[in-house]
Amino acid sequence: MITCDLDHQLNALIIAGKSVEALRTLYAEDVVAQENDEPERVGRDAWIQARQTMETNIKRFHARVIAHAAHGDTTFSEWEYNLEIEGMGPLKMNQVAVRRWRDGLVVRERFYHE
């Protein structure tokens, strides 16, 4: 499958609130993920655990892709999130996700946001 199509499939799962399913099916076991300049998180299981922990605190979730592009094995998605997190209240966030793919799976992902 074309990398851009895989990324579109991944983004659709996230928008549908199925991010854990997306992680299980479209991420390599040894994926490396990073938020801005925070320490890297290594491994799909660690990423799933962090995502599940975060999702337990989400009271309302809406996400949309504003722009999407691909070049070779790298994809880029610009996101807009509107959510409400327990203890933090409503939050609006813009983010860019950069994903590197190998053999149909995400092997590296980095998020840039304010």
PDB file of N, CA and C in Angstrom:
ATOM      1  N   MET A   1       0.845  -1.174   0.000  1.00  0.00           N
ATOM      2  CA  MET A   1       0.000   0.000   0.000  1.00  0.00           C
ATOM      3  C   MET A   1       0.894   1.241   0.000  1.00  0.00           C
ATOM      4  N   ILE A   2       0.455   2.299  -0.640  1.00  0.00           N
ATOM      5  CA  ILE A   2       1.200   3.544  -0.722  1.00  0.00           C
ATOM      6  C   ILE A   2       1.249   4.201   0.655  1.00  0.00           C
ATOM      7  N   THR A   3       2.401   4.763   1.015  1.00  0.00           N
ATOM      8  CA  THR A   3       2.605   5.370   2.330  1.00  0.00           C
ATOM      9  C   THR A   3       1.547   6.419   2.639  1.00  0.00           C
ATOM     10  N   CYS A   4       1.230   7.252   1.674  1.00  0.00           N
ATOM     11  CA  CYS A   4       0.217   8.291   1.889  1.00  0.00           C
ATOM     12  C   CYS A   4      -1.133   7.668   2.246  1.00  0.00           C
ATOM     13  N   ASP A   5      -1.487   6.569   1.606  1.00  0.00           N
ATOM     14  CA  ASP A   5      -2.747   5.881   1.903  1.00  0.00           C
ATOM     15  C   ASP A   5      -2.733   5.275   3.305  1.00  0.00           C
ATOM     16  N   LEU A   6      -1.596   4.713   3.707  1.00  0.00           N
ATOM     17  CA  LEU A   6      -1.472   4.167   5.060  1.00  0.00           C
ATOM     18  C   LEU A   6      -1.647   5.270   6.098  1.00  0.00           C
ATOM     19  N   ASP A   7      -1.041   6.423   5.838  1.00  0.00           N
ATOM     20  CA  ASP A   7      -1.147   7.548   6.764  1.00  0.00           C
ATOM     21  C   ASP A   7      -2.590   8.038   6.846  1.00  0.00           C
ATOM     22  N   HIS A   8      -3.266   8.072   5.718  1.00  0.00           N
ATOM     23  CA  HIS A   8      -4.669   8.469   5.703  1.00  0.00           C
ATOM     24  C   HIS A   8      -5.497   7.487   6.543  1.00  0.00           C
ATOM     25  N   GLN A   9      -5.224   6.200   6.407  1.00  0.00           N
ATOM     26  CA  GLN A   9      -5.907   5.174   7.197  1.00  0.00           C
ATOM     27  C   GLN A   9      -5.645   5.385   8.691  1.00  0.00           C
ATOM     28  N   LEU A  10      -4.398   5.663   9.046  1.00  0.00           N
ATOM     29  CA  LEU A  10      -4.022   5.905  10.443  1.00  0.00           C
ATOM     30  C   LEU A  10      -4.753   7.133  10.979  1.00  0.00           C
ATOM     31  N   ASN A  11      -4.754   8.220  10.214  1.00  0.00           N
ATOM     32  CA  ASN A  11      -5.425   9.438  10.651  1.00  0.00           C
ATOM     33  C   ASN A  11      -6.922   9.209  10.857  1.00  0.00           C
ATOM     34  N   ALA A  12      -7.547   8.440   9.980  1.00  0.00           N
ATOM     35  CA  ALA A  12      -8.977   8.148  10.104  1.00  0.00           C
ATOM     36  C   ALA A  12      -9.269   7.386  11.398  1.00  0.00           C
ATOM     37  N   LEU A  13      -8.409   6.451  11.765  1.00  0.00           N
ATOM     38  CA  LEU A  13      -8.596   5.718  13.023  1.00  0.00           C
ATOM     39  C   LEU A  13      -8.487   6.656  14.223  1.00  0.00           C
ATOM     40  N   ILE A  14      -7.533   7.574  14.195  1.00  0.00           N
ATOM     41  CA  ILE A  14      -7.369   8.533  15.296  1.00  0.00           C
ATOM     42  C   ILE A  14      -8.619   9.404  15.423  1.00  0.00           C
ATOM     43  N   ILE A  15      -9.100   9.921  14.301  1.00  0.00           N
ATOM     44  CA  ILE A  15     -10.298  10.765  14.313  1.00  0.00           C
ATOM     45  C   ILE A  15     -11.496   9.997  14.852  1.00  0.00           C
ATOM     46  N   ALA A  16     -11.583   8.717  14.549  1.00  0.00           N
ATOM     47  CA  ALA A  16     -12.692   7.877  15.023  1.00  0.00           C
ATOM     48  C   ALA A  16     -12.536   7.463  16.482  1.00  0.00           C
ATOM     49  N   GLY A  17     -11.468   7.914  17.140  1.00  0.00           N
ATOM     50  CA  GLY A  17     -11.241   7.556  18.543  1.00  0.00           C
ATOM     51  C   GLY A  17     -10.672   6.164  18.721  1.00  0.00           C
ATOM     52  N   LYS A  18     -10.038   5.635  17.676  1.00  0.00           N
ATOM     53  CA  LYS A  18      -9.481   4.283  17.725  1.00  0.00           C
ATOM     54  C   LYS A  18      -7.954   4.319  17.654  1.00  0.00           C
ATOM     55  N   SER A  19      -7.354   5.194  18.448  1.00  0.00           N
ATOM     56  CA  SER A  19      -5.903   5.344  18.372  1.00  0.00           C
ATOM     57  C   SER A  19      -5.148   4.102  18.850  1.00  0.00           C
ATOM     58  N   VAL A  20      -5.684   3.397  19.828  1.00  0.00           N
ATOM     59  CA  VAL A  20      -5.000   2.184  20.299  1.00  0.00           C
ATOM     60  C   VAL A  20      -5.027   1.116  19.203  1.00  0.00           C
ATOM     61  N   GLU A  21      -6.147   0.989  18.501  1.00  0.00           N
ATOM     62  CA  GLU A  21      -6.213   0.059  17.371  1.00  0.00           C
ATOM     63  C   GLU A  21      -5.199   0.457  16.298  1.00  0.00           C
ATOM     64  N   ALA A  22      -5.097   1.752  16.044  1.00  0.00           N
ATOM     65  CA  ALA A  22      -4.122   2.245  15.064  1.00  0.00           C
ATOM     66  C   ALA A  22      -2.703   1.888  15.485  1.00  0.00           C
ATOM     67  N   LEU A  23      -2.399   2.062  16.749  1.00  0.00           N
ATOM     68  CA  LEU A  23      -1.061   1.739  17.251  1.00  0.00           C
ATOM     69  C   LEU A  23      -0.767   0.249  17.100  1.00  0.00           C
ATOM     70  N   ARG A  24      -1.745  -0.579  17.396  1.00  0.00           N
ATOM     71  CA  ARG A  24      -1.537  -2.031  17.319  1.00  0.00           C
ATOM     72  C   ARG A  24      -1.346  -2.525  15.887  1.00  0.00           C
ATOM     73  N   THR A  25      -1.995  -1.878  14.937  1.00  0.00           N
ATOM     74  CA  THR A  25      -1.966  -2.393  13.567  1.00  0.00           C
ATOM     75  C   THR A  25      -1.012  -1.676  12.625  1.00  0.00           C
ATOM     76  N   LEU A  26      -0.680  -0.414  12.916  1.00  0.00           N
ATOM     77  CA  LEU A  26       0.114   0.364  11.958  1.00  0.00           C
ATOM     78  C   LEU A  26       1.449   0.865  12.498  1.00  0.00           C
ATOM     79  N   TYR A  27       1.847   0.420  13.678  1.00  0.00           N
ATOM     80  CA  TYR A  27       3.125   0.833  14.260  1.00  0.00           C
ATOM     81  C   TYR A  27       4.039  -0.377  14.444  1.00  0.00           C
ATOM     82  N   ALA A  28       5.308  -0.178  14.158  1.00  0.00           N
ATOM     83  CA  ALA A  28       6.295  -1.230  14.362  1.00  0.00           C
ATOM     84  C   ALA A  28       6.472  -1.484  15.861  1.00  0.00           C
ATOM     85  N   GLU A  29       6.838  -2.693  16.188  1.00  0.00           N
ATOM     86  CA  GLU A  29       7.043  -3.055  17.591  1.00  0.00           C
ATOM     87  C   GLU A  29       8.098  -2.176  18.252  1.00  0.00           C
ATOM     88  N   ASP A  30       9.106  -1.763  17.491  1.00  0.00           N
ATOM     89  CA  ASP A  30      10.209  -0.955  18.041  1.00  0.00           C
ATOM     90  C   ASP A  30      10.098   0.528  17.671  1.00  0.00           C
ATOM     91  N   VAL A  31       8.875   1.022  17.436  1.00  0.00           N
ATOM     92  CA  VAL A  31       8.660   2.416  17.065  1.00  0.00           C
ATOM     93  C   VAL A  31       9.273   3.356  18.104  1.00  0.00           C
ATOM     94  N   VAL A  32       9.760   4.481  17.622  1.00  0.00           N
ATOM     95  CA  VAL A  32      10.295   5.542  18.487  1.00  0.00           C
ATOM     96  C   VAL A  32       9.395   6.751  18.299  1.00  0.00           C
ATOM     97  N   ALA A  33       8.848   7.268  19.397  1.00  0.00           N
ATOM     98  CA  ALA A  33       7.935   8.406  19.330  1.00  0.00           C
ATOM     99  C   ALA A  33       8.434   9.510  20.254  1.00  0.00           C
ATOM    100  N   GLN A  34       8.145  10.751  19.856  1.00  0.00           N
ATOM    101  CA  GLN A  34       8.631  11.888  20.631  1.00  0.00           C
ATOM    102  C   GLN A  34       7.656  13.057  20.517  1.00  0.00           C
ATOM    103  N   GLU A  35       7.418  13.722  21.621  1.00  0.00           N
ATOM    104  CA  GLU A  35       6.619  14.951  21.670  1.00  0.00           C
ATOM    105  C   GLU A  35       7.587  16.120  21.793  1.00  0.00           C
ATOM    106  N   ASN A  36       7.554  17.030  20.829  1.00  0.00           N
ATOM    107  CA  ASN A  36       8.452  18.180  20.820  1.00  0.00           C
ATOM    108  C   ASN A  36       9.881  17.740  21.150  1.00  0.00           C
ATOM    109  N   ASP A  37      10.469  18.311  22.194  1.00  0.00           N
ATOM    110  CA  ASP A  37      11.838  17.952  22.578  1.00  0.00           C
ATOM    111  C   ASP A  37      11.892  17.059  23.817  1.00  0.00           C
ATOM    112  N   GLU A  38      10.761  16.463  24.174  1.00  0.00           N
ATOM    113  CA  GLU A  38      10.728  15.562  25.322  1.00  0.00           C
ATOM    114  C   GLU A  38      11.515  14.291  25.005  1.00  0.00           C
ATOM    115  N   PRO A  39      11.855  13.512  26.017  1.00  0.00           N
ATOM    116  CA  PRO A  39      12.583  12.260  25.761  1.00  0.00           C
ATOM    117  C   PRO A  39      11.788  11.325  24.848  1.00  0.00           C
ATOM    118  N   GLU A  40      12.497  10.572  24.056  1.00  0.00           N
ATOM    119  CA  GLU A  40      11.852   9.615  23.155  1.00  0.00           C
ATOM    120  C   GLU A  40      11.207   8.489  23.943  1.00  0.00           C
ATOM    121  N   ARG A  41      10.094   8.007  23.416  1.00  0.00           N
ATOM    122  CA  ARG A  41       9.425   6.830  23.975  1.00  0.00           C
ATOM    123  C   ARG A  41       9.679   5.709  22.980  1.00  0.00           C
ATOM    124  N   VAL A  42      10.272   4.613  23.438  1.00  0.00           N
ATOM    125  CA  VAL A  42      10.655   3.524  22.546  1.00  0.00           C
ATOM    126  C   VAL A  42       9.746   2.326  22.769  1.00  0.00           C
ATOM    127  N   GLY A  43       9.194   1.815  21.678  1.00  0.00           N
ATOM    128  CA  GLY A  43       8.390   0.605  21.725  1.00  0.00           C
ATOM    129  C   GLY A  43       6.898   0.864  21.627  1.00  0.00           C
ATOM    130  N   ARG A  44       6.240   0.048  20.818  1.00  0.00           N
ATOM    131  CA  ARG A  44       4.799   0.166  20.621  1.00  0.00           C
ATOM    132  C   ARG A  44       4.040  -0.017  21.933  1.00  0.00           C
ATOM    133  N   ASP A  45       4.434  -0.979  22.752  1.00  0.00           N
ATOM    134  CA  ASP A  45       3.723  -1.227  24.009  1.00  0.00           C
ATOM    135  C   ASP A  45       3.784  -0.018  24.937  1.00  0.00           C
ATOM    136  N   ALA A  46       4.935   0.644  25.003  1.00  0.00           N
ATOM    137  CA  ALA A  46       5.066   1.853  25.827  1.00  0.00           C
ATOM    138  C   ALA A  46       4.184   2.970  25.290  1.00  0.00           C
ATOM    139  N   TRP A  47       4.091   3.080  23.982  1.00  0.00           N
ATOM    140  CA  TRP A  47       3.277   4.105  23.343  1.00  0.00           C
ATOM    141  C   TRP A  47       1.797   3.818  23.598  1.00  0.00           C
ATOM    142  N   ILE A  48       1.392   2.547  23.499  1.00  0.00           N
ATOM    143  CA  ILE A  48      -0.001   2.165  23.767  1.00  0.00           C
ATOM    144  C   ILE A  48      -0.355   2.461  25.215  1.00  0.00           C
ATOM    145  N   GLN A  49       0.526   2.093  26.133  1.00  0.00           N
ATOM    146  CA  GLN A  49       0.264   2.331  27.560  1.00  0.00           C
ATOM    147  C   GLN A  49       0.110   3.825  27.842  1.00  0.00           C
ATOM    148  N   ALA A  50       0.977   4.647  27.295  1.00  0.00           N
ATOM    149  CA  ALA A  50       0.892   6.099  27.499  1.00  0.00           C
ATOM    150  C   ALA A  50      -0.409   6.645  26.916  1.00  0.00           C
ATOM    151  N   ARG A  51      -0.785   6.160  25.740  1.00  0.00           N
ATOM    152  CA  ARG A  51      -2.010   6.629  25.084  1.00  0.00           C
ATOM    153  C   ARG A  51      -3.236   6.225  25.887  1.00  0.00           C
ATOM    154  N   GLN A  52      -3.273   4.986  26.378  1.00  0.00           N
ATOM    155  CA  GLN A  52      -4.410   4.530  27.169  1.00  0.00           C
ATOM    156  C   GLN A  52      -4.534   5.337  28.462  1.00  0.00           C
ATOM    157  N   THR A  53      -3.408   5.638  29.088  1.00  0.00           N
ATOM    158  CA  THR A  53      -3.414   6.445  30.308  1.00  0.00           C
ATOM    159  C   THR A  53      -3.978   7.830  30.023  1.00  0.00           C
ATOM    160  N   MET A  54      -3.538   8.451  28.935  1.00  0.00           N
ATOM    161  CA  MET A  54      -4.024   9.766  28.575  1.00  0.00           C
ATOM    162  C   MET A  54      -5.519   9.732  28.270  1.00  0.00           C
ATOM    163  N   GLU A  55      -5.956   8.718  27.537  1.00  0.00           N
ATOM    164  CA  GLU A  55      -7.359   8.647  27.123  1.00  0.00           C
ATOM    165  C   GLU A  55      -8.323   8.467  28.285  1.00  0.00           C
ATOM    166  N   THR A  56      -7.857   7.904  29.392  1.00  0.00           N
ATOM    167  CA  THR A  56      -8.744   7.757  30.551  1.00  0.00           C
ATOM    168  C   THR A  56      -9.133   9.116  31.117  1.00  0.00           C
ATOM    169  N   ASN A  57      -8.345  10.155  30.832  1.00  0.00           N
ATOM    170  CA  ASN A  57      -8.619  11.495  31.345  1.00  0.00           C
ATOM    171  C   ASN A  57      -9.352  12.392  30.353  1.00  0.00           C
ATOM    172  N   ILE A  58      -9.610  11.906  29.144  1.00  0.00           N
ATOM    173  CA  ILE A  58     -10.275  12.715  28.133  1.00  0.00           C
ATOM    174  C   ILE A  58     -11.791  12.586  28.292  1.00  0.00           C
ATOM    175  N   LYS A  59     -12.439  13.740  28.465  1.00  0.00           N
ATOM    176  CA  LYS A  59     -13.892  13.761  28.611  1.00  0.00           C
ATOM    177  C   LYS A  59     -14.581  14.064  27.278  1.00  0.00           C
ATOM    178  N   ARG A  60     -13.920  14.826  26.411  1.00  0.00           N
ATOM    179  CA  ARG A  60     -14.478  15.174  25.104  1.00  0.00           C
ATOM    180  C   ARG A  60     -13.314  15.237  24.126  1.00  0.00           C
ATOM    181  N   PHE A  61     -13.535  14.709  22.908  1.00  0.00           N
ATOM    182  CA  PHE A  61     -12.454  14.624  21.927  1.00  0.00           C
ATOM    183  C   PHE A  61     -12.985  14.907  20.532  1.00  0.00           C
ATOM    184  N   HIS A  62     -12.352  15.860  19.857  1.00  0.00           N
ATOM    185  CA  HIS A  62     -12.638  16.121  18.448  1.00  0.00           C
ATOM    186  C   HIS A  62     -11.311  16.465  17.779  1.00  0.00           C
ATOM    187  N   ALA A  63     -11.028  15.788  16.684  1.00  0.00           N
ATOM    188  CA  ALA A  63      -9.776  16.036  15.953  1.00  0.00           C
ATOM    189  C   ALA A  63     -10.079  16.101  14.465  1.00  0.00           C
ATOM    190  N   ARG A  64      -9.290  16.901  13.756  1.00  0.00           N
ATOM    191  CA  ARG A  64      -9.407  16.935  12.305  1.00  0.00           C
ATOM    192  C   ARG A  64      -8.037  17.222  11.698  1.00  0.00           C
ATOM    193  N   VAL A  65      -7.838  16.682  10.520  1.00  0.00           N
ATOM    194  CA  VAL A  65      -6.612  16.918   9.766  1.00  0.00           C
ATOM    195  C   VAL A  65      -6.847  18.142   8.893  1.00  0.00           C
ATOM    196  N   ILE A  66      -5.971  19.120   9.016  1.00  0.00           N
ATOM    197  CA  ILE A  66      -6.073  20.351   8.235  1.00  0.00           C
ATOM    198  C   ILE A  66      -5.328  20.190   6.911  1.00  0.00           C
ATOM    199  N   ALA A  67      -4.157  19.569   6.973  1.00  0.00           N
ATOM    200  CA  ALA A  67      -3.346  19.365   5.768  1.00  0.00           C
ATOM    201  C   ALA A  67      -2.595  18.048   5.913  1.00  0.00           C
ATOM    202  N   HIS A  68      -2.254  17.483   4.768  1.00  0.00           N
ATOM    203  CA  HIS A  68      -1.624  16.164   4.759  1.00  0.00           C
ATOM    204  C   HIS A  68      -0.711  16.082   3.546  1.00  0.00           C
ATOM    205  N   ALA A  69       0.485  15.531   3.729  1.00  0.00           N
ATOM    206  CA  ALA A  69       1.416  15.390   2.606  1.00  0.00           C
ATOM    207  C   ALA A  69       2.318  14.193   2.852  1.00  0.00           C
ATOM    208  N   ALA A  70       2.928  13.725   1.774  1.00  0.00           N
ATOM    209  CA  ALA A  70       3.871  12.618   1.865  1.00  0.00           C
ATOM    210  C   ALA A  70       5.014  12.847   0.896  1.00  0.00           C
ATOM    211  N   HIS A  71       6.180  12.383   1.307  1.00  0.00           N
ATOM    212  CA  HIS A  71       7.357  12.405   0.442  1.00  0.00           C
ATOM    213  C   HIS A  71       8.148  11.139   0.740  1.00  0.00           C
ATOM    214  N   GLY A  72       8.190  10.230  -0.209  1.00  0.00           N
ATOM    215  CA  GLY A  72       8.879   8.964   0.025  1.00  0.00           C
ATOM    216  C   GLY A  72       8.229   8.194   1.155  1.00  0.00           C
ATOM    217  N   ASP A  73       9.033   7.823   2.142  1.00  0.00           N
ATOM    218  CA  ASP A  73       8.535   7.066   3.294  1.00  0.00           C
ATOM    219  C   ASP A  73       8.214   7.952   4.486  1.00  0.00           C
ATOM    220  N   THR A  74       8.045   9.260   4.258  1.00  0.00           N
ATOM    221  CA  THR A  74       7.730  10.201   5.331  1.00  0.00           C
ATOM    222  C   THR A  74       6.397  10.874   5.033  1.00  0.00           C
ATOM    223  N   THR A  75       5.550  10.956   6.076  1.00  0.00           N
ATOM    224  CA  THR A  75       4.271  11.648   5.938  1.00  0.00           C
ATOM    225  C   THR A  75       4.191  12.770   6.965  1.00  0.00           C
ATOM    226  N   PHE A  76       3.391  13.768   6.619  1.00  0.00           N
ATOM    227  CA  PHE A  76       3.206  14.945   7.461  1.00  0.00           C
ATOM    228  C   PHE A  76       1.709  15.211   7.568  1.00  0.00           C
ATOM    229  N   SER A  77       1.230  15.462   8.776  1.00  0.00           N
ATOM    230  CA  SER A  77      -0.169  15.804   8.982  1.00  0.00           C
ATOM    231  C   SER A  77      -0.251  16.977   9.942  1.00  0.00           C
ATOM    232  N   GLU A  78      -1.023  17.992   9.542  1.00  0.00           N
ATOM    233  CA  GLU A  78      -1.298  19.112  10.431  1.00  0.00           C
ATOM    234  C   GLU A  78      -2.666  18.871  11.057  1.00  0.00           C
ATOM    235  N   TRP A  79      -2.723  18.930  12.363  1.00  0.00           N
ATOM    236  CA  TRP A  79      -3.927  18.589  13.116  1.00  0.00           C
ATOM    237  C   TRP A  79      -4.465  19.762  13.910  1.00  0.00           C
ATOM    238  N   GLU A  80      -5.772  19.726  14.142  1.00  0.00           N
ATOM    239  CA  GLU A  80      -6.425  20.627  15.084  1.00  0.00           C
ATOM    240  C   GLU A  80      -7.215  19.750  16.051  1.00  0.00           C
ATOM    241  N   TYR A  81      -6.946  19.918  17.324  1.00  0.00           N
ATOM    242  CA  TYR A  81      -7.634  19.151  18.366  1.00  0.00           C
ATOM    243  C   TYR A  81      -8.449  20.094  19.245  1.00  0.00           C
ATOM    244  N   ASN A  82      -9.658  19.683  19.559  1.00  0.00           N
ATOM    245  CA  ASN A  82     -10.488  20.320  20.574  1.00  0.00           C
ATOM    246  C   ASN A  82     -10.871  19.215  21.539  1.00  0.00           C
ATOM    247  N   LEU A  83     -10.418  19.341  22.771  1.00  0.00           N
ATOM    248  CA  LEU A  83     -10.719  18.297  23.731  1.00  0.00           C
ATOM    249  C   LEU A  83     -10.873  18.869  25.114  1.00  0.00           C
ATOM    250  N   GLU A  84     -11.393  18.048  25.975  1.00  0.00           N
ATOM    251  CA  GLU A  84     -11.503  18.407  27.380  1.00  0.00           C
ATOM    252  C   GLU A  84     -10.864  17.293  28.180  1.00  0.00           C
ATOM    253  N   ILE A  85      -9.922  17.679  29.032  1.00  0.00           N
ATOM    254  CA  ILE A  85      -9.172  16.711  29.826  1.00  0.00           C
ATOM    255  C   ILE A  85      -9.503  16.928  31.299  1.00  0.00           C
ATOM    256  N   GLU A  86      -9.783  15.846  31.985  1.00  0.00           N
ATOM    257  CA  GLU A  86     -10.092  15.880  33.410  1.00  0.00           C
ATOM    258  C   GLU A  86      -9.027  16.686  34.152  1.00  0.00           C
ATOM    259  N   GLY A  87      -9.476  17.656  34.929  1.00  0.00           N
ATOM    260  CA  GLY A  87      -8.567  18.469  35.719  1.00  0.00           C
ATOM    261  C   GLY A  87      -7.919  19.626  34.970  1.00  0.00           C
ATOM    262  N   MET A  88      -8.064  19.662  33.641  1.00  0.00           N
ATOM    263  CA  MET A  88      -7.467  20.739  32.860  1.00  0.00           C
ATOM    264  C   MET A  88      -8.511  21.579  32.138  1.00  0.00           C
ATOM    265  N   GLY A  89      -9.700  21.039  31.961  1.00  0.00           N
ATOM    266  CA  GLY A  89     -10.739  21.751  31.245  1.00  0.00           C
ATOM    267  C   GLY A  89     -10.546  21.684  29.743  1.00  0.00           C
ATOM    268  N   PRO A  90     -11.251  22.564  29.005  1.00  0.00           N
ATOM    269  CA  PRO A  90     -11.168  22.558  27.543  1.00  0.00           C
ATOM    270  C   PRO A  90      -9.772  22.947  27.052  1.00  0.00           C
ATOM    271  N   LEU A  91      -9.379  22.344  25.945  1.00  0.00           N
ATOM    272  CA  LEU A  91      -8.057  22.583  25.378  1.00  0.00           C
ATOM    273  C   LEU A  91      -8.155  22.551  23.862  1.00  0.00           C
ATOM    274  N   LYS A  92      -7.575  23.557  23.230  1.00  0.00           N
ATOM    275  CA  LYS A  92      -7.465  23.567  21.778  1.00  0.00           C
ATOM    276  C   LYS A  92      -5.980  23.505  21.458  1.00  0.00           C
ATOM    277  N   MET A  93      -5.619  22.571  20.574  1.00  0.00           N
ATOM    278  CA  MET A  93      -4.209  22.371  20.268  1.00  0.00           C
ATOM    279  C   MET A  93      -4.029  22.155  18.776  1.00  0.00           C
ATOM    280  N   ASN A  94      -3.011  22.786  18.226  1.00  0.00           N
ATOM    281  CA  ASN A  94      -2.596  22.536  16.849  1.00  0.00           C
ATOM    282  C   ASN A  94      -1.297  21.764  16.905  1.00  0.00           C
ATOM    283  N   GLN A  95      -1.163  20.802  16.024  1.00  0.00           N
ATOM    284  CA  GLN A  95      -0.013  19.894  16.075  1.00  0.00           C
ATOM    285  C   GLN A  95       0.355  19.442  14.672  1.00  0.00           C
ATOM    286  N   VAL A  96       1.629  19.192  14.476  1.00  0.00           N
ATOM    287  CA  VAL A  96       2.099  18.559  13.250  1.00  0.00           C
ATOM    288  C   VAL A  96       2.698  17.211  13.640  1.00  0.00           C
ATOM    289  N   ALA A  97       2.258  16.169  12.950  1.00  0.00           N
ATOM    290  CA  ALA A  97       2.794  14.831  13.157  1.00  0.00           C
ATOM    291  C   ALA A  97       3.657  14.472  11.951  1.00  0.00           C
ATOM    292  N   VAL A  98       4.885  14.063  12.219  1.00  0.00           N
ATOM    293  CA  VAL A  98       5.797  13.609  11.172  1.00  0.00           C
ATOM    294  C   VAL A  98       6.053  12.133  11.431  1.00  0.00           C
ATOM    295  N   ARG A  99       5.742  11.315  10.421  1.00  0.00           N
ATOM    296  CA  ARG A  99       5.882   9.864  10.576  1.00  0.00           C
ATOM    297  C   ARG A  99       6.825   9.314   9.516  1.00  0.00           C
ATOM    298  N   ARG A 100       7.684   8.422   9.931  1.00  0.00           N
ATOM    299  CA  ARG A 100       8.568   7.707   9.014  1.00  0.00           C
ATOM    300  C   ARG A 100       8.092   6.254   8.986  1.00  0.00           C
ATOM    301  N   TRP A 101       7.930   5.735   7.790  1.00  0.00           N
ATOM    302  CA  TRP A 101       7.350   4.412   7.574  1.00  0.00           C
ATOM    303  C   TRP A 101       8.387   3.450   7.001  1.00  0.00           C
ATOM    304  N   ARG A 102       8.256   2.172   7.382  1.00  0.00           N
ATOM    305  CA  ARG A 102       9.072   1.101   6.800  1.00  0.00           C
ATOM    306  C   ARG A 102       8.208  -0.156   6.756  1.00  0.00           C
ATOM    307  N   ASP A 103       8.149  -0.770   5.590  1.00  0.00           N
ATOM    308  CA  ASP A 103       7.386  -2.011   5.414  1.00  0.00           C
ATOM    309  C   ASP A 103       5.929  -1.874   5.872  1.00  0.00           C
ATOM    310  N   GLY A 104       5.324  -0.714   5.615  1.00  0.00           N
ATOM    311  CA  GLY A 104       3.924  -0.494   5.929  1.00  0.00           C
ATOM    312  C   GLY A 104       3.620  -0.159   7.374  1.00  0.00           C
ATOM    313  N   LEU A 105       4.656   0.121   8.182  1.00  0.00           N
ATOM    314  CA  LEU A 105       4.458   0.437   9.596  1.00  0.00           C
ATOM    315  C   LEU A 105       5.214   1.706   9.966  1.00  0.00           C
ATOM    316  N   VAL A 106       4.679   2.446  10.930  1.00  0.00           N
ATOM    317  CA  VAL A 106       5.363   3.624  11.454  1.00  0.00           C
ATOM    318  C   VAL A 106       6.532   3.146  12.313  1.00  0.00           C
ATOM    319  N   VAL A 107       7.734   3.636  12.007  1.00  0.00           N
ATOM    320  CA  VAL A 107       8.920   3.275  12.792  1.00  0.00           C
ATOM    321  C   VAL A 107       9.430   4.450  13.629  1.00  0.00           C
ATOM    322  N   ARG A 108       9.014   5.664  13.256  1.00  0.00           N
ATOM    323  CA  ARG A 108       9.391   6.863  14.014  1.00  0.00           C
ATOM    324  C   ARG A 108       8.285   7.888  13.845  1.00  0.00           C
ATOM    325  N   GLU A 109       7.911   8.506  14.962  1.00  0.00           N
ATOM    326  CA  GLU A 109       6.871   9.537  14.929  1.00  0.00           C
ATOM    327  C   GLU A 109       7.285  10.666  15.867  1.00  0.00           C
ATOM    328  N   ARG A 110       7.121  11.884  15.366  1.00  0.00           N
ATOM    329  CA  ARG A 110       7.440  13.043  16.204  1.00  0.00           C
ATOM    330  C   ARG A 110       6.314  14.062  16.051  1.00  0.00           C
ATOM    331  N   PHE A 111       5.918  14.621  17.197  1.00  0.00           N
ATOM    332  CA  PHE A 111       4.860  15.621  17.219  1.00  0.00           C
ATOM    333  C   PHE A 111       5.442  16.977  17.571  1.00  0.00           C
ATOM    334  N   TYR A 112       4.998  17.980  16.854  1.00  0.00           N
ATOM    335  CA  TYR A 112       5.400  19.360  17.116  1.00  0.00           C
ATOM    336  C   TYR A 112       4.122  20.139  17.437  1.00  0.00           C
ATOM    337  N   HIS A 113       4.101  20.760  18.608  1.00  0.00           N
ATOM    338  CA  HIS A 113       2.927  21.542  19.002  1.00  0.00           C
ATOM    339  C   HIS A 113       3.325  22.579  20.044  1.00  0.00           C
ATOM    340  N   GLU A 114       2.401  23.492  20.257  1.00  0.00           N
ATOM    341  CA  GLU A 114       2.622  24.578  21.233  1.00  0.00           C
ATOM    342  C   GLU A 114       2.415  24.089  22.625  1.00  0.00           C
TER     343      GLU A 114
END
